[in-house]
Amino acid sequence: MTEPTRTGRDPGLNPALKSQQDATHDTAHRTPPPVTTTSVGGAEGGTWPWIWLVVVIVCVLAVLYILLG
């Protein structure tokens, strides 16, 4: 079996898939990083670890009650 030879002008299997360069990204305008634009304070969300701790303790106690009770 022989491979078909391809010339430089051969479009390939799908001629619609051509190499294109995306010029929509503008590098002239600088934007701030996402971290500086967030509105979350340092103390917000601090209670979630305590809530998870209580939930885990309740679940462990429930499992022990079911297995040993």
N, C-alpha and C. Protein backbone atom coordinates (compact mmCIF):
# COMPACT_ATOMS: atom_id res chain seq x y z
N MET A 1 0.83 -1.16 0.00
CA MET A 1 0.00 0.00 0.00
C MET A 1 0.89 1.23 0.00
N THR A 2 0.49 2.15 -0.76
CA THR A 2 1.28 3.38 -0.84
C THR A 2 0.49 4.54 -0.27
N GLU A 3 1.19 5.43 0.39
CA GLU A 3 0.57 6.64 0.94
C GLU A 3 0.35 7.63 -0.18
N PRO A 4 -0.79 8.29 -0.20
CA PRO A 4 -0.98 9.32 -1.23
C PRO A 4 -0.09 10.53 -0.91
N THR A 5 0.47 11.08 -1.94
CA THR A 5 1.34 12.24 -1.75
C THR A 5 0.49 13.49 -1.64
N ARG A 6 0.87 14.37 -0.73
CA ARG A 6 0.13 15.61 -0.53
C ARG A 6 1.01 16.77 -0.92
N THR A 7 0.46 17.63 -1.68
CA THR A 7 1.21 18.81 -2.06
C THR A 7 0.90 19.93 -1.07
N GLY A 8 1.61 21.03 -1.15
CA GLY A 8 1.41 22.15 -0.25
C GLY A 8 0.07 22.82 -0.44
N ARG A 9 -0.54 22.69 -1.60
CA ARG A 9 -1.81 23.35 -1.87
C ARG A 9 -3.00 22.43 -1.62
N ASP A 10 -2.74 21.19 -1.22
CA ASP A 10 -3.82 20.24 -0.96
C ASP A 10 -4.54 20.64 0.33
N PRO A 11 -5.88 20.80 0.30
CA PRO A 11 -6.59 21.27 1.49
C PRO A 11 -6.73 20.22 2.59
N GLY A 12 -6.43 18.98 2.32
CA GLY A 12 -6.57 17.94 3.33
C GLY A 12 -7.96 17.34 3.31
N LEU A 13 -8.33 16.67 4.40
CA LEU A 13 -9.62 16.01 4.45
C LEU A 13 -10.78 16.99 4.61
N ASN A 14 -10.59 18.04 5.37
CA ASN A 14 -11.66 19.00 5.60
C ASN A 14 -11.14 20.40 5.27
N PRO A 15 -11.47 20.92 4.12
CA PRO A 15 -10.94 22.23 3.75
C PRO A 15 -11.49 23.37 4.60
N ALA A 16 -12.58 23.13 5.35
CA ALA A 16 -13.13 24.18 6.22
C ALA A 16 -12.25 24.42 7.44
N LEU A 17 -11.42 23.44 7.79
CA LEU A 17 -10.54 23.59 8.95
C LEU A 17 -9.22 24.22 8.50
N LYS A 18 -9.22 25.52 8.43
CA LYS A 18 -8.02 26.24 8.02
C LYS A 18 -7.38 26.87 9.24
N SER A 19 -6.12 27.08 9.18
CA SER A 19 -5.40 27.73 10.27
C SER A 19 -5.78 29.20 10.31
N GLN A 20 -6.25 29.65 11.48
CA GLN A 20 -6.65 31.04 11.64
C GLN A 20 -6.01 31.61 12.89
N GLN A 21 -5.82 32.92 12.91
CA GLN A 21 -5.27 33.58 14.07
C GLN A 21 -6.37 34.44 14.69
N ASP A 22 -6.60 34.25 15.99
CA ASP A 22 -7.64 34.99 16.69
C ASP A 22 -7.09 36.37 17.07
N ALA A 23 -7.72 37.40 16.55
CA ALA A 23 -7.26 38.77 16.81
C ALA A 23 -8.24 39.52 17.70
N THR A 24 -9.13 38.82 18.39
CA THR A 24 -10.12 39.49 19.22
C THR A 24 -9.59 39.83 20.61
N HIS A 25 -8.48 39.26 21.03
CA HIS A 25 -7.92 39.53 22.35
C HIS A 25 -7.11 40.82 22.30
N ASP A 26 -7.51 41.79 23.09
CA ASP A 26 -6.84 43.09 23.09
C ASP A 26 -5.84 43.14 24.24
N THR A 27 -4.58 43.27 23.92
CA THR A 27 -3.55 43.33 24.95
C THR A 27 -3.16 44.76 25.30
N ALA A 28 -3.77 45.74 24.67
CA ALA A 28 -3.43 47.13 24.95
C ALA A 28 -4.10 47.63 26.23
N HIS A 29 -5.22 47.05 26.61
CA HIS A 29 -5.96 47.48 27.79
C HIS A 29 -5.71 46.51 28.93
N ARG A 30 -5.12 47.00 30.02
CA ARG A 30 -4.82 46.15 31.18
C ARG A 30 -6.00 46.14 32.14
N THR A 31 -6.34 44.98 32.67
CA THR A 31 -7.40 44.86 33.65
C THR A 31 -6.80 44.35 34.96
N PRO A 32 -7.43 44.67 36.10
CA PRO A 32 -6.89 44.20 37.39
C PRO A 32 -7.11 42.70 37.54
N PRO A 33 -6.27 42.04 38.34
CA PRO A 33 -6.47 40.61 38.57
C PRO A 33 -7.79 40.35 39.28
N PRO A 34 -8.40 39.18 39.09
CA PRO A 34 -9.68 38.88 39.70
C PRO A 34 -9.66 38.94 41.23
N VAL A 35 -8.52 38.68 41.85
CA VAL A 35 -8.44 38.68 43.31
C VAL A 35 -8.72 40.06 43.87
N THR A 36 -8.29 41.10 43.19
CA THR A 36 -8.48 42.45 43.70
C THR A 36 -9.89 42.97 43.47
N THR A 37 -10.66 42.31 42.63
CA THR A 37 -12.02 42.80 42.35
C THR A 37 -13.09 42.03 43.12
N THR A 38 -12.72 41.05 43.93
CA THR A 38 -13.72 40.30 44.69
C THR A 38 -14.16 41.09 45.91
N SER A 39 -15.37 40.81 46.37
CA SER A 39 -15.91 41.56 47.50
C SER A 39 -16.00 40.73 48.78
N VAL A 40 -15.35 39.59 48.82
CA VAL A 40 -15.41 38.73 49.99
C VAL A 40 -14.41 39.24 51.02
N GLY A 41 -14.89 39.44 52.23
CA GLY A 41 -14.02 39.90 53.30
C GLY A 41 -13.26 38.75 53.92
N GLY A 42 -12.33 39.07 54.78
CA GLY A 42 -11.52 38.04 55.43
C GLY A 42 -12.30 37.22 56.44
N ALA A 43 -13.30 37.81 57.10
CA ALA A 43 -14.04 37.09 58.14
C ALA A 43 -15.22 36.31 57.58
N GLU A 44 -15.60 36.57 56.36
CA GLU A 44 -16.75 35.86 55.79
C GLU A 44 -16.40 34.40 55.52
N GLY A 45 -17.35 33.52 55.81
CA GLY A 45 -17.14 32.10 55.58
C GLY A 45 -16.36 31.41 56.66
N GLY A 46 -16.10 32.08 57.77
CA GLY A 46 -15.33 31.48 58.85
C GLY A 46 -16.11 30.49 59.68
N THR A 47 -17.43 30.50 59.57
CA THR A 47 -18.24 29.58 60.37
C THR A 47 -18.42 28.23 59.70
N TRP A 48 -18.12 28.13 58.42
CA TRP A 48 -18.33 26.85 57.72
C TRP A 48 -17.50 25.71 58.28
N PRO A 49 -16.25 25.89 58.66
CA PRO A 49 -15.52 24.75 59.27
C PRO A 49 -16.20 24.25 60.55
N TRP A 50 -16.76 25.14 61.35
CA TRP A 50 -17.44 24.73 62.58
C TRP A 50 -18.73 23.98 62.25
N ILE A 51 -19.44 24.42 61.24
CA ILE A 51 -20.66 23.73 60.83
C ILE A 51 -20.33 22.32 60.35
N TRP A 52 -19.26 22.19 59.54
CA TRP A 52 -18.86 20.87 59.06
C TRP A 52 -18.41 19.98 60.22
N LEU A 53 -17.74 20.56 61.21
CA LEU A 53 -17.30 19.78 62.36
C LEU A 53 -18.50 19.23 63.12
N VAL A 54 -19.53 20.06 63.34
CA VAL A 54 -20.73 19.59 64.04
C VAL A 54 -21.44 18.51 63.23
N VAL A 55 -21.54 18.70 61.92
CA VAL A 55 -22.19 17.69 61.08
C VAL A 55 -21.45 16.36 61.11
N VAL A 56 -20.14 16.41 61.06
CA VAL A 56 -19.34 15.18 61.09
C VAL A 56 -19.49 14.48 62.44
N ILE A 57 -19.47 15.24 63.52
CA ILE A 57 -19.61 14.63 64.85
C ILE A 57 -20.99 13.98 64.99
N VAL A 58 -22.04 14.65 64.52
CA VAL A 58 -23.38 14.09 64.59
C VAL A 58 -23.47 12.82 63.75
N CYS A 59 -22.88 12.82 62.58
CA CYS A 59 -22.91 11.63 61.72
C CYS A 59 -22.14 10.47 62.34
N VAL A 60 -20.98 10.76 62.94
CA VAL A 60 -20.20 9.69 63.57
C VAL A 60 -20.97 9.12 64.75
N LEU A 61 -21.60 9.97 65.55
CA LEU A 61 -22.39 9.48 66.67
C LEU A 61 -23.57 8.65 66.19
N ALA A 62 -24.20 9.06 65.09
CA ALA A 62 -25.32 8.29 64.54
C ALA A 62 -24.87 6.91 64.06
N VAL A 63 -23.72 6.87 63.41
CA VAL A 63 -23.19 5.59 62.93
C VAL A 63 -22.83 4.70 64.10
N LEU A 64 -22.21 5.25 65.12
CA LEU A 64 -21.87 4.44 66.30
C LEU A 64 -23.13 3.93 66.99
N TYR A 65 -24.17 4.74 67.08
CA TYR A 65 -25.43 4.32 67.69
C TYR A 65 -26.07 3.20 66.89
N ILE A 66 -26.01 3.30 65.54
CA ILE A 66 -26.61 2.25 64.71
C ILE A 66 -25.80 0.97 64.80
N LEU A 67 -24.48 1.05 64.77
CA LEU A 67 -23.66 -0.15 64.78
C LEU A 67 -23.60 -0.81 66.16
N LEU A 68 -23.52 -0.02 67.21
CA LEU A 68 -23.31 -0.57 68.54
C LEU A 68 -24.59 -0.60 69.39
N GLY A 69 -25.62 0.11 68.95
CA GLY A 69 -26.82 0.25 69.76
C GLY A 69 -27.74 -0.85 69.60
